[in-house]
Amino acid sequence: MLAIATQFPHAGSAAFVRGSADPVTILRRNADGTVLVRREPRPFERRNRDASGNTTLSLDDLAETADLAVFGPDKPRHHRRARRSAR
């Protein structure tokens, strides 16, 4: 249906649900601040051709990347520091 990828949070863009990082595609933005999204099927689920994967979420429940969906913008992600060799 939407073949051209667009930038978040416009219709046609990819997004991730906050907390679970489930991938979704934004289909439509509503005037009340919600969005109609299509949930991507998980690998173990059968892919249906009906609209059962479509749901309405608040725009605040979506994040642009999976890292932001899991960790959030306020929590810095801790990276492992490279080991220094003691010489």
N, C-alpha and C. Protein backbone atom coordinates (compact mmCIF):
# COMPACT_ATOMS: atom_id res chain seq x y z
N MET A 1 0.83 -1.18 0.00
CA MET A 1 0.00 0.00 0.00
C MET A 1 0.88 1.26 0.00
N LEU A 2 1.78 1.38 0.98
CA LEU A 2 2.68 2.52 1.03
C LEU A 2 4.07 2.04 0.65
N ALA A 3 4.47 2.30 -0.58
CA ALA A 3 5.72 1.76 -1.08
C ALA A 3 6.92 2.66 -0.80
N ILE A 4 6.68 3.94 -0.56
CA ILE A 4 7.78 4.88 -0.35
C ILE A 4 7.92 5.15 1.14
N ALA A 5 9.11 4.90 1.66
CA ALA A 5 9.35 5.16 3.08
C ALA A 5 9.48 6.66 3.32
N THR A 6 8.90 7.13 4.41
CA THR A 6 8.95 8.55 4.76
C THR A 6 9.56 8.70 6.14
N GLN A 7 9.78 9.94 6.55
CA GLN A 7 10.40 10.20 7.84
C GLN A 7 9.36 10.12 8.95
N PHE A 8 9.81 9.66 10.10
CA PHE A 8 8.97 9.56 11.30
C PHE A 8 8.55 10.96 11.70
N PRO A 9 7.34 11.22 12.04
CA PRO A 9 6.16 10.41 12.29
C PRO A 9 5.10 10.53 11.22
N HIS A 10 5.47 10.64 9.98
CA HIS A 10 4.49 10.80 8.90
C HIS A 10 3.97 9.44 8.43
N ALA A 11 2.85 9.46 7.75
CA ALA A 11 2.26 8.22 7.23
C ALA A 11 3.23 7.54 6.27
N GLY A 12 3.40 6.24 6.47
CA GLY A 12 4.32 5.46 5.64
C GLY A 12 5.66 5.21 6.32
N SER A 13 5.89 5.83 7.47
CA SER A 13 7.17 5.66 8.14
C SER A 13 7.13 4.48 9.11
N ALA A 14 8.30 3.92 9.36
CA ALA A 14 8.43 2.85 10.33
C ALA A 14 8.57 3.46 11.72
N ALA A 15 8.07 2.74 12.72
CA ALA A 15 8.16 3.19 14.11
C ALA A 15 8.22 1.96 15.00
N PHE A 16 8.45 2.20 16.29
CA PHE A 16 8.54 1.12 17.26
C PHE A 16 7.70 1.49 18.48
N VAL A 17 6.99 0.50 19.02
CA VAL A 17 6.14 0.73 20.19
C VAL A 17 7.03 0.84 21.43
N ARG A 18 6.82 1.89 22.22
CA ARG A 18 7.62 2.09 23.43
C ARG A 18 7.37 0.96 24.42
N GLY A 19 8.46 0.49 25.02
CA GLY A 19 8.39 -0.58 26.00
C GLY A 19 8.67 -1.94 25.41
N SER A 20 8.04 -2.27 24.29
CA SER A 20 8.22 -3.59 23.69
C SER A 20 9.09 -3.56 22.43
N ALA A 21 9.22 -2.41 21.83
CA ALA A 21 9.99 -2.21 20.58
C ALA A 21 9.43 -3.04 19.43
N ASP A 22 8.13 -3.32 19.44
CA ASP A 22 7.51 -4.02 18.32
C ASP A 22 7.49 -3.09 17.11
N PRO A 23 7.92 -3.58 15.94
CA PRO A 23 7.91 -2.73 14.75
C PRO A 23 6.50 -2.52 14.21
N VAL A 24 6.20 -1.29 13.82
CA VAL A 24 4.91 -0.94 13.23
C VAL A 24 5.16 0.00 12.06
N THR A 25 4.15 0.15 11.22
CA THR A 25 4.18 1.12 10.14
C THR A 25 3.00 2.07 10.34
N ILE A 26 3.27 3.36 10.29
CA ILE A 26 2.22 4.35 10.48
C ILE A 26 1.40 4.44 9.19
N LEU A 27 0.11 4.23 9.31
CA LEU A 27 -0.78 4.30 8.16
C LEU A 27 -1.47 5.65 8.03
N ARG A 28 -1.86 6.23 9.20
CA ARG A 28 -2.62 7.49 9.16
C ARG A 28 -2.46 8.20 10.49
N ARG A 29 -2.32 9.53 10.44
CA ARG A 29 -2.33 10.35 11.65
C ARG A 29 -3.70 10.96 11.81
N ASN A 30 -4.25 10.85 13.01
CA ASN A 30 -5.58 11.39 13.29
C ASN A 30 -5.45 12.76 13.95
N ALA A 31 -6.51 13.54 13.90
CA ALA A 31 -6.50 14.91 14.43
C ALA A 31 -6.39 14.94 15.95
N ASP A 32 -6.77 13.86 16.63
CA ASP A 32 -6.73 13.85 18.09
C ASP A 32 -5.39 13.40 18.68
N GLY A 33 -4.36 13.27 17.86
CA GLY A 33 -3.04 12.90 18.33
C GLY A 33 -2.77 11.41 18.33
N THR A 34 -3.67 10.64 17.79
CA THR A 34 -3.47 9.20 17.68
C THR A 34 -3.05 8.86 16.25
N VAL A 35 -2.54 7.65 16.09
CA VAL A 35 -2.14 7.18 14.76
C VAL A 35 -2.67 5.77 14.54
N LEU A 36 -3.05 5.49 13.32
CA LEU A 36 -3.43 4.14 12.92
C LEU A 36 -2.15 3.47 12.44
N VAL A 37 -1.82 2.32 13.03
CA VAL A 37 -0.59 1.62 12.68
C VAL A 37 -0.89 0.19 12.28
N ARG A 38 0.01 -0.36 11.49
CA ARG A 38 -0.04 -1.78 11.12
C ARG A 38 1.09 -2.47 11.86
N ARG A 39 0.74 -3.45 12.69
CA ARG A 39 1.76 -4.22 13.40
C ARG A 39 2.36 -5.24 12.44
N GLU A 40 3.67 -5.36 12.48
CA GLU A 40 4.35 -6.35 11.66
C GLU A 40 4.19 -7.71 12.32
N PRO A 41 3.90 -8.76 11.56
CA PRO A 41 3.73 -10.09 12.17
C PRO A 41 5.05 -10.61 12.70
N ARG A 42 4.98 -11.31 13.82
CA ARG A 42 6.18 -11.93 14.40
C ARG A 42 6.52 -13.16 13.56
N PRO A 43 7.76 -13.63 13.64
CA PRO A 43 8.17 -14.77 12.79
C PRO A 43 7.34 -16.03 12.99
N PHE A 44 6.83 -16.26 14.19
CA PHE A 44 6.07 -17.48 14.44
C PHE A 44 4.59 -17.34 14.11
N GLU A 45 4.14 -16.15 13.75
CA GLU A 45 2.74 -15.93 13.41
C GLU A 45 2.53 -16.08 11.91
N ARG A 46 1.34 -16.55 11.57
CA ARG A 46 0.98 -16.59 10.15
C ARG A 46 0.69 -15.18 9.69
N ARG A 47 1.07 -14.88 8.49
CA ARG A 47 0.78 -13.56 7.94
C ARG A 47 -0.64 -13.57 7.37
N ASN A 48 -1.49 -12.75 7.96
CA ASN A 48 -2.88 -12.66 7.50
C ASN A 48 -3.01 -11.53 6.50
N ARG A 49 -4.00 -11.63 5.65
CA ARG A 49 -4.24 -10.60 4.66
C ARG A 49 -5.38 -9.68 5.08
N ASP A 50 -5.84 -9.80 6.31
CA ASP A 50 -6.91 -8.93 6.76
C ASP A 50 -6.34 -7.80 7.62
N ALA A 51 -7.20 -6.99 8.16
CA ALA A 51 -6.77 -5.81 8.91
C ALA A 51 -6.65 -6.09 10.41
N SER A 52 -6.49 -7.34 10.81
CA SER A 52 -6.44 -7.65 12.23
C SER A 52 -5.18 -7.11 12.90
N GLY A 53 -4.16 -6.80 12.14
CA GLY A 53 -2.93 -6.25 12.71
C GLY A 53 -2.96 -4.75 12.86
N ASN A 54 -4.02 -4.10 12.40
CA ASN A 54 -4.13 -2.64 12.50
C ASN A 54 -4.68 -2.24 13.86
N THR A 55 -4.11 -1.20 14.44
CA THR A 55 -4.59 -0.71 15.73
C THR A 55 -4.31 0.78 15.83
N THR A 56 -4.98 1.45 16.75
CA THR A 56 -4.79 2.87 16.97
C THR A 56 -4.01 3.06 18.26
N LEU A 57 -2.94 3.84 18.18
CA LEU A 57 -2.09 4.14 19.33
C LEU A 57 -1.91 5.64 19.44
N SER A 58 -1.51 6.08 20.61
CA SER A 58 -1.14 7.48 20.78
C SER A 58 0.23 7.70 20.15
N LEU A 59 0.44 8.86 19.58
CA LEU A 59 1.74 9.16 18.98
C LEU A 59 2.85 9.13 20.02
N ASP A 60 2.51 9.42 21.28
CA ASP A 60 3.49 9.36 22.36
C ASP A 60 3.94 7.94 22.67
N ASP A 61 3.18 6.94 22.23
CA ASP A 61 3.54 5.54 22.46
C ASP A 61 4.50 5.00 21.42
N LEU A 62 4.90 5.82 20.46
CA LEU A 62 5.79 5.38 19.39
C LEU A 62 7.15 6.07 19.49
N ALA A 63 8.17 5.37 19.02
CA ALA A 63 9.52 5.91 18.98
C ALA A 63 10.09 5.69 17.58
N GLU A 64 11.07 6.51 17.23
CA GLU A 64 11.65 6.45 15.89
C GLU A 64 12.57 5.24 15.71
N THR A 65 13.28 4.85 16.77
CA THR A 65 14.20 3.71 16.69
C THR A 65 13.88 2.71 17.79
N ALA A 66 14.37 1.50 17.63
CA ALA A 66 14.15 0.46 18.63
C ALA A 66 14.85 0.81 19.95
N ASP A 67 16.03 1.42 19.87
CA ASP A 67 16.74 1.81 21.10
C ASP A 67 15.95 2.84 21.89
N LEU A 68 15.37 3.83 21.22
CA LEU A 68 14.56 4.81 21.93
C LEU A 68 13.29 4.19 22.50
N ALA A 69 12.76 3.17 21.83
CA ALA A 69 11.55 2.52 22.32
C ALA A 69 11.82 1.73 23.59
N VAL A 70 13.01 1.15 23.71
CA VAL A 70 13.33 0.33 24.87
C VAL A 70 13.91 1.18 26.00
N PHE A 71 14.90 2.00 25.68
CA PHE A 71 15.63 2.73 26.71
C PHE A 71 15.06 4.11 26.98
N GLY A 72 14.41 4.71 26.00
CA GLY A 72 13.84 6.04 26.17
C GLY A 72 14.90 7.11 26.01
N PRO A 73 14.49 8.35 25.77
CA PRO A 73 15.45 9.43 25.55
C PRO A 73 16.14 9.88 26.83
N ASP A 74 15.55 9.61 28.00
CA ASP A 74 16.11 10.09 29.25
C ASP A 74 17.16 9.16 29.83
N LYS A 75 17.14 7.90 29.44
CA LYS A 75 18.06 6.93 29.99
C LYS A 75 19.22 6.72 29.02
N PRO A 76 20.43 7.12 29.38
CA PRO A 76 21.55 6.90 28.47
C PRO A 76 21.89 5.41 28.39
N ARG A 77 22.27 4.98 27.24
CA ARG A 77 22.65 3.59 27.05
C ARG A 77 24.12 3.45 27.41
N HIS A 78 24.42 2.52 28.29
CA HIS A 78 25.79 2.33 28.73
C HIS A 78 26.51 1.39 27.77
N HIS A 79 27.63 1.85 27.28
CA HIS A 79 28.44 1.05 26.38
C HIS A 79 29.62 0.49 27.17
N ARG A 80 30.06 -0.66 26.76
CA ARG A 80 31.24 -1.22 27.39
C ARG A 80 32.46 -0.41 26.97
N ARG A 81 33.29 -0.16 27.93
CA ARG A 81 34.52 0.55 27.63
C ARG A 81 35.56 -0.45 27.13
N ALA A 82 36.40 0.01 26.24
CA ALA A 82 37.47 -0.86 25.73
C ALA A 82 38.48 -1.11 26.85
N ARG A 83 38.95 -2.33 26.90
CA ARG A 83 39.95 -2.66 27.91
C ARG A 83 41.29 -2.04 27.55
N ARG A 84 41.93 -1.59 28.57
CA ARG A 84 43.28 -1.07 28.38
C ARG A 84 44.27 -2.15 28.80
N SER A 85 45.27 -2.31 28.04
CA SER A 85 46.28 -3.29 28.44
C SER A 85 47.25 -2.63 29.40
N ALA A 86 47.52 -3.27 30.50
CA ALA A 86 48.44 -2.72 31.51
C ALA A 86 49.87 -3.03 31.08
N ARG A 87 50.60 -1.99 30.78
CA ARG A 87 52.00 -2.19 30.34
C ARG A 87 52.93 -1.56 31.29
